[in-house]
Amino acid sequence: MDGSNTPGRCPASTVRAWPAGSWPPAAPGSCDAPPAGRAGVRVPPFVGRQGHGVNGLWPLQDFFEFGALVSAVPCARLHARQVLWEWGLASLGESAGLLVTELITNAVKASWAMAQATPVRLWLVSDGAQVLILVWDASPQPPVRIDASGQAENGRGLMLVETISEKWGWYCRDDSGGKFVWAVVAR
């Protein structure tokens, strides 16, 4: 793999390009889909890091679209770990893989809750020191962190995201449909 976006590795996956200039979002609480190509992906303005401009370009970028299927979850996790390995960030692979697993699982569930299941989208961008994971689904409903009891089988996903990531959040804009949930993992 060379980090390029190639469809067909997982069931019902496709790659879709987005128009240039549709990213970054203007402010927290708004969103647009970032372009799928290597040039022009910018981090959300509220996910800056010291030493970088808030909207500085991050040179490492990847995009993949998955069918809203349970099988998308392990495919997305494997894809993310492979991409990070290619980028020389294998040390972040386990944490990023867990974050991708939780975010894609939630996106697939949110997509199936809609009248018609829509694909879920995964972006990985990095500046070499940290990785921003963005997951889009068509549901405008915010993610809900549930305080699950010790015996509950579900409900710990966002608690795990909160624990593993440096920071995380979500945002949407009325005219784009759906929402982005994002998390940052760093060395």
Foldseek 3Di string as FASTA:
>chain_A
DQQADDPDPFPPKDDDFDDAPQDDFPAFQAHGDFGADQPDDFDHLVPDDPPAHSGHAARRKHKIKHFLDPRVLVVQLVVQCVSCVSLVNNVCSVLVSLLSNLVSPVQSVQQVVDPHRDIKMWMWTHNSFKIKIKIWHQAQDFDDQDPDDPPDPDRCSVVSLPVSFPDWDKHHDPVRGTIITMTMHGD
